[in-house]
Amino acid sequence: MALMQVIKEPDPLLRKVSKPVQKFDVKLINFIDDLIETMYEEKGMGIAAIQVGKPIRALVVDIPIKEEKNPFIIINPKIKFLSKETVILDEGCLSVKSDNGTLVNGKVERPVSITIEYRDLQGNFKELAIDGTKSEYDLWFARCLQHELDHLDGVLFIDKLCAMQDINTINKKECIKS
């Protein structure tokens, strides 16, 4: 396994829409192993392939609320459901750092629950439903998953920041409850 370099904003690659994975082979398995190792080394809860310069629809999530490492690998995801209920919480990103290299955090409103269809590492079709009202773990899993899914479409959390934050970024918007 090998560590990969996480690319940082304003790298234009982070704004590209990732392409679906076509081949489920040893090369993909090795890449995902390296992606997982990089996520843990960077102390992230999730990472998308585009964050290491590979524009494919693949991501990994592992919420550290549980003690053991349990990376969840998601390939070619499609959102099937997002709850109307939302919550505003702080987010950060391995690809968004301040000028001095520290992580930037900001408040983002996201749905509490999500259902996706995806493929596993062997190419099998799966469905995953996460109800963020059930536990703190599920709330953060649903949130982190949405954050990483955004990466696959060239969207960063700073594009979704709530207004009135003391942060030097662009694209701030007000969080409006519907």
C-alpha atoms as a PDB file:
ATOM      1  CA  MET A   1       0.000   0.000   0.000  1.00  0.00           C
ATOM      2  CA  ALA A   2       1.085   3.559  -0.639  1.00  0.00           C
ATOM      3  CA  LEU A   3       0.089   6.967   0.606  1.00  0.00           C
ATOM      4  CA  MET A   4      -1.210   9.386  -1.995  1.00  0.00           C
ATOM      5  CA  GLN A   5      -1.078  13.172  -1.966  1.00  0.00           C
ATOM      6  CA  VAL A   6      -4.381  14.894  -1.206  1.00  0.00           C
ATOM      7  CA  ILE A   7      -4.933  17.756  -3.639  1.00  0.00           C
ATOM      8  CA  LYS A   8      -6.046  21.075  -2.208  1.00  0.00           C
ATOM      9  CA  GLU A   9      -8.470  23.813  -3.179  1.00  0.00           C
ATOM     10  CA  PRO A  10      -8.116  25.759  -5.563  1.00  0.00           C
ATOM     11  CA  ASP A  11      -6.860  22.840  -7.707  1.00  0.00           C
ATOM     12  CA  PRO A  12      -9.317  22.798 -10.659  1.00  0.00           C
ATOM     13  CA  LEU A  13      -9.464  18.990 -10.625  1.00  0.00           C
ATOM     14  CA  LEU A  14     -11.566  19.214  -7.434  1.00  0.00           C
ATOM     15  CA  ARG A  15     -14.280  20.935  -9.521  1.00  0.00           C
ATOM     16  CA  LYS A  16     -14.502  18.170 -12.134  1.00  0.00           C
ATOM     17  CA  VAL A  17     -17.361  15.671 -12.256  1.00  0.00           C
ATOM     18  CA  SER A  18     -15.960  12.170 -11.726  1.00  0.00           C
ATOM     19  CA  LYS A  19     -16.628   9.378 -14.222  1.00  0.00           C
ATOM     20  CA  PRO A  20     -18.168   5.993 -13.313  1.00  0.00           C
ATOM     21  CA  VAL A  21     -15.815   3.109 -12.584  1.00  0.00           C
ATOM     22  CA  GLN A  22     -15.851   0.686 -15.519  1.00  0.00           C
ATOM     23  CA  LYS A  23     -13.460  -2.077 -14.437  1.00  0.00           C
ATOM     24  CA  PHE A  24     -13.676  -3.879 -11.119  1.00  0.00           C
ATOM     25  CA  ASP A  25     -10.237  -5.450 -11.036  1.00  0.00           C
ATOM     26  CA  VAL A  26      -7.037  -5.787  -9.003  1.00  0.00           C
ATOM     27  CA  LYS A  27      -5.963  -2.302 -10.069  1.00  0.00           C
ATOM     28  CA  LEU A  28      -9.127  -0.848  -8.510  1.00  0.00           C
ATOM     29  CA  ILE A  29      -8.665  -2.926  -5.340  1.00  0.00           C
ATOM     30  CA  ASN A  30      -5.083  -1.667  -4.965  1.00  0.00           C
ATOM     31  CA  PHE A  31      -6.169   1.924  -5.561  1.00  0.00           C
ATOM     32  CA  ILE A  32      -8.935   1.666  -2.938  1.00  0.00           C
ATOM     33  CA  ASP A  33      -6.444   0.160  -0.449  1.00  0.00           C
ATOM     34  CA  ASP A  34      -4.189   3.184  -1.009  1.00  0.00           C
ATOM     35  CA  LEU A  35      -7.174   5.536  -0.704  1.00  0.00           C
ATOM     36  CA  ILE A  36      -8.100   3.984   2.655  1.00  0.00           C
ATOM     37  CA  GLU A  37      -4.514   4.244   3.908  1.00  0.00           C
ATOM     38  CA  THR A  38      -4.374   7.891   2.821  1.00  0.00           C
ATOM     39  CA  MET A  39      -7.687   8.675   4.575  1.00  0.00           C
ATOM     40  CA  TYR A  40      -6.424   7.207   7.861  1.00  0.00           C
ATOM     41  CA  GLU A  41      -3.026   8.911   7.583  1.00  0.00           C
ATOM     42  CA  GLU A  42      -4.739  12.277   6.981  1.00  0.00           C
ATOM     43  CA  LYS A  43      -7.117  11.595   9.908  1.00  0.00           C
ATOM     44  CA  GLY A  44     -10.194  11.938   7.707  1.00  0.00           C
ATOM     45  CA  MET A  45     -13.657  10.419   8.123  1.00  0.00           C
ATOM     46  CA  GLY A  46     -14.014  10.083   4.387  1.00  0.00           C
ATOM     47  CA  ILE A  47     -12.218  10.629   1.125  1.00  0.00           C
ATOM     48  CA  ALA A  48     -13.223  10.610  -2.531  1.00  0.00           C
ATOM     49  CA  ALA A  49     -10.966   9.403  -5.337  1.00  0.00           C
ATOM     50  CA  ILE A  50     -10.940  12.872  -6.908  1.00  0.00           C
ATOM     51  CA  GLN A  51      -9.202  14.202  -3.771  1.00  0.00           C
ATOM     52  CA  VAL A  52      -6.095  12.229  -4.722  1.00  0.00           C
ATOM     53  CA  GLY A  53      -6.336  13.238  -8.364  1.00  0.00           C
ATOM     54  CA  LYS A  54      -8.293  10.278  -9.748  1.00  0.00           C
ATOM     55  CA  PRO A  55     -11.640  11.433 -11.231  1.00  0.00           C
ATOM     56  CA  ILE A  56     -13.600   8.215 -10.722  1.00  0.00           C
ATOM     57  CA  ARG A  57     -16.843   7.751  -8.767  1.00  0.00           C
ATOM     58  CA  ALA A  58     -15.337   6.003  -5.758  1.00  0.00           C
ATOM     59  CA  LEU A  59     -15.186   6.988  -2.101  1.00  0.00           C
ATOM     60  CA  VAL A  60     -14.489   5.605   1.343  1.00  0.00           C
ATOM     61  CA  VAL A  61     -16.116   6.548   4.665  1.00  0.00           C
ATOM     62  CA  ASP A  62     -15.189   5.470   8.200  1.00  0.00           C
ATOM     63  CA  ILE A  63     -16.738   7.325  11.122  1.00  0.00           C
ATOM     64  CA  PRO A  64     -14.368   7.196  14.131  1.00  0.00           C
ATOM     65  CA  ILE A  65     -17.172   7.079  16.708  1.00  0.00           C
ATOM     66  CA  LYS A  66     -16.744   3.315  16.705  1.00  0.00           C
ATOM     67  CA  GLU A  67     -13.391   2.079  17.980  1.00  0.00           C
ATOM     68  CA  GLU A  68     -12.483  -0.409  15.261  1.00  0.00           C
ATOM     69  CA  LYS A  69     -11.544   0.625  11.747  1.00  0.00           C
ATOM     70  CA  ASN A  70     -14.340  -0.279   9.378  1.00  0.00           C
ATOM     71  CA  PRO A  71     -13.934   1.472   6.025  1.00  0.00           C
ATOM     72  CA  PHE A  72     -17.083   1.509   3.918  1.00  0.00           C
ATOM     73  CA  ILE A  73     -16.247   1.412   0.198  1.00  0.00           C
ATOM     74  CA  ILE A  74     -18.745   2.941  -2.217  1.00  0.00           C
ATOM     75  CA  ILE A  75     -18.389   2.879  -5.998  1.00  0.00           C
ATOM     76  CA  ASN A  76     -20.651   4.506  -8.606  1.00  0.00           C
ATOM     77  CA  PRO A  77     -23.199   5.763  -6.043  1.00  0.00           C
ATOM     78  CA  LYS A  78     -26.601   7.177  -6.964  1.00  0.00           C
ATOM     79  CA  ILE A  79     -28.751   9.042  -4.460  1.00  0.00           C
ATOM     80  CA  LYS A  80     -32.232   7.506  -4.194  1.00  0.00           C
ATOM     81  CA  PHE A  81     -33.569   9.484  -1.213  1.00  0.00           C
ATOM     82  CA  LEU A  82     -32.675  12.509   0.907  1.00  0.00           C
ATOM     83  CA  SER A  83     -34.802  13.365   3.941  1.00  0.00           C
ATOM     84  CA  LYS A  84     -36.584  16.687   4.183  1.00  0.00           C
ATOM     85  CA  GLU A  85     -35.384  16.927   7.774  1.00  0.00           C
ATOM     86  CA  THR A  86     -32.028  18.696   7.904  1.00  0.00           C
ATOM     87  CA  VAL A  87     -29.419  19.628  10.469  1.00  0.00           C
ATOM     88  CA  ILE A  88     -26.684  22.276  10.494  1.00  0.00           C
ATOM     89  CA  LEU A  89     -23.304  21.029  11.738  1.00  0.00           C
ATOM     90  CA  ASP A  90     -19.632  21.908  11.347  1.00  0.00           C
ATOM     91  CA  GLU A  91     -17.739  20.281   8.499  1.00  0.00           C
ATOM     92  CA  GLY A  92     -14.157  20.305   7.353  1.00  0.00           C
ATOM     93  CA  CYS A  93     -12.354  18.799   4.387  1.00  0.00           C
ATOM     94  CA  LEU A  94      -8.936  17.294   3.726  1.00  0.00           C
ATOM     95  CA  SER A  95      -8.797  19.346   0.505  1.00  0.00           C
ATOM     96  CA  VAL A  96      -9.682  22.718   2.066  1.00  0.00           C
ATOM     97  CA  LYS A  97      -7.037  24.273   4.271  1.00  0.00           C
ATOM     98  CA  SER A  98      -6.193  27.807   5.336  1.00  0.00           C
ATOM     99  CA  ASP A  99      -3.052  29.611   4.189  1.00  0.00           C
ATOM    100  CA  ASN A 100      -1.167  28.269   7.223  1.00  0.00           C
ATOM    101  CA  GLY A 101      -2.174  24.673   6.446  1.00  0.00           C
ATOM    102  CA  THR A 102      -4.822  24.137   9.117  1.00  0.00           C
ATOM    103  CA  LEU A 103      -8.178  22.616   8.238  1.00  0.00           C
ATOM    104  CA  VAL A 104     -11.011  25.053   7.560  1.00  0.00           C
ATOM    105  CA  ASN A 105     -14.346  24.319   9.246  1.00  0.00           C
ATOM    106  CA  GLY A 106     -17.766  25.765   8.592  1.00  0.00           C
ATOM    107  CA  LYS A 107     -21.445  25.149   9.218  1.00  0.00           C
ATOM    108  CA  VAL A 108     -23.331  23.283   6.488  1.00  0.00           C
ATOM    109  CA  GLU A 109     -26.986  22.263   6.344  1.00  0.00           C
ATOM    110  CA  ARG A 110     -27.579  18.715   5.085  1.00  0.00           C
ATOM    111  CA  PRO A 111     -30.382  16.148   5.129  1.00  0.00           C
ATOM    112  CA  VAL A 112     -30.352  13.900   8.201  1.00  0.00           C
ATOM    113  CA  SER A 113     -31.010  10.680   6.256  1.00  0.00           C
ATOM    114  CA  ILE A 114     -29.979   9.297   2.875  1.00  0.00           C
ATOM    115  CA  THR A 115     -30.483   6.208   0.723  1.00  0.00           C
ATOM    116  CA  ILE A 116     -28.102   5.343  -2.100  1.00  0.00           C
ATOM    117  CA  GLU A 117     -27.563   2.608  -4.640  1.00  0.00           C
ATOM    118  CA  TYR A 118     -23.928   1.743  -5.284  1.00  0.00           C
ATOM    119  CA  ARG A 119     -21.538  -1.013  -6.242  1.00  0.00           C
ATOM    120  CA  ASP A 120     -19.120  -2.732  -3.893  1.00  0.00           C
ATOM    121  CA  LEU A 121     -15.472  -3.469  -4.673  1.00  0.00           C
ATOM    122  CA  GLN A 122     -16.431  -6.645  -6.526  1.00  0.00           C
ATOM    123  CA  GLY A 123     -18.968  -4.779  -8.673  1.00  0.00           C
ATOM    124  CA  ASN A 124     -22.069  -6.129  -6.907  1.00  0.00           C
ATOM    125  CA  PHE A 125     -25.077  -3.785  -6.751  1.00  0.00           C
ATOM    126  CA  LYS A 126     -26.090  -2.741  -3.224  1.00  0.00           C
ATOM    127  CA  GLU A 127     -28.445  -0.336  -1.487  1.00  0.00           C
ATOM    128  CA  LEU A 128     -27.650   1.566   1.683  1.00  0.00           C
ATOM    129  CA  ALA A 129     -30.161   3.488   3.805  1.00  0.00           C
ATOM    130  CA  ILE A 130     -28.861   5.582   6.700  1.00  0.00           C
ATOM    131  CA  ASP A 131     -31.332   7.132   9.135  1.00  0.00           C
ATOM    132  CA  GLY A 132     -29.447   9.865  10.944  1.00  0.00           C
ATOM    133  CA  THR A 133     -32.160  10.176  13.603  1.00  0.00           C
ATOM    134  CA  LYS A 134     -31.271   6.754  15.060  1.00  0.00           C
ATOM    135  CA  SER A 135     -27.799   7.467  16.468  1.00  0.00           C
ATOM    136  CA  GLU A 136     -24.893   9.895  16.454  1.00  0.00           C
ATOM    137  CA  TYR A 137     -22.950   7.382  14.353  1.00  0.00           C
ATOM    138  CA  ASP A 138     -25.704   7.266  11.693  1.00  0.00           C
ATOM    139  CA  LEU A 139     -26.033  11.070  11.694  1.00  0.00           C
ATOM    140  CA  TRP A 140     -22.318  11.486  10.971  1.00  0.00           C
ATOM    141  CA  PHE A 141     -22.261   8.587   8.495  1.00  0.00           C
ATOM    142  CA  ALA A 142     -25.131  10.162   6.491  1.00  0.00           C
ATOM    143  CA  ARG A 143     -23.460  13.570   6.623  1.00  0.00           C
ATOM    144  CA  CYS A 144     -19.992  12.340   5.669  1.00  0.00           C
ATOM    145  CA  LEU A 145     -21.429  10.275   2.832  1.00  0.00           C
ATOM    146  CA  GLN A 146     -23.196  13.363   1.415  1.00  0.00           C
ATOM    147  CA  HIS A 147     -19.984  15.386   1.743  1.00  0.00           C
ATOM    148  CA  GLU A 148     -18.006  12.758  -0.214  1.00  0.00           C
ATOM    149  CA  LEU A 149     -20.788  12.377  -2.800  1.00  0.00           C
ATOM    150  CA  ASP A 150     -20.532  16.127  -3.410  1.00  0.00           C
ATOM    151  CA  HIS A 151     -16.837  15.677  -4.248  1.00  0.00           C
ATOM    152  CA  LEU A 152     -17.788  13.270  -7.038  1.00  0.00           C
ATOM    153  CA  ASP A 153     -19.784  16.100  -8.633  1.00  0.00           C
ATOM    154  CA  GLY A 154     -17.121  18.786  -8.189  1.00  0.00           C
ATOM    155  CA  VAL A 155     -18.810  20.397  -5.181  1.00  0.00           C
ATOM    156  CA  LEU A 156     -16.930  21.378  -2.013  1.00  0.00           C
ATOM    157  CA  PHE A 157     -18.430  22.019   1.412  1.00  0.00           C
ATOM    158  CA  ILE A 158     -17.386  25.669   1.149  1.00  0.00           C
ATOM    159  CA  ASP A 159     -19.950  25.990  -1.650  1.00  0.00           C
ATOM    160  CA  LYS A 160     -22.686  25.143   0.863  1.00  0.00           C
ATOM    161  CA  LEU A 161     -21.593  27.197   3.865  1.00  0.00           C
ATOM    162  CA  CYS A 162     -24.268  28.914   5.910  1.00  0.00           C
ATOM    163  CA  ALA A 163     -24.076  32.718   6.064  1.00  0.00           C
ATOM    164  CA  MET A 164     -22.539  34.762   8.860  1.00  0.00           C
ATOM    165  CA  GLN A 165     -19.467  32.614   9.324  1.00  0.00           C
ATOM    166  CA  ASP A 166     -16.097  34.102  10.123  1.00  0.00           C
ATOM    167  CA  ILE A 167     -14.288  32.315   7.331  1.00  0.00           C
ATOM    168  CA  ASN A 168     -12.425  33.633   4.306  1.00  0.00           C
ATOM    169  CA  THR A 169     -14.188  31.785   1.483  1.00  0.00           C
ATOM    170  CA  ILE A 170     -16.482  32.497  -1.403  1.00  0.00           C
ATOM    171  CA  ASN A 171     -19.911  31.150  -2.281  1.00  0.00           C
ATOM    172  CA  LYS A 172     -21.444  31.627   1.187  1.00  0.00           C
ATOM    173  CA  LYS A 173     -25.193  31.177   1.280  1.00  0.00           C
ATOM    174  CA  GLU A 174     -27.857  31.436   3.905  1.00  0.00           C
ATOM    175  CA  CYS A 175     -29.155  28.190   5.322  1.00  0.00           C
ATOM    176  CA  ILE A 176     -32.878  28.347   4.777  1.00  0.00           C
ATOM    177  CA  LYS A 177     -35.203  25.807   6.365  1.00  0.00           C
ATOM    178  CA  SER A 178     -37.992  24.762   4.032  1.00  0.00           C
END
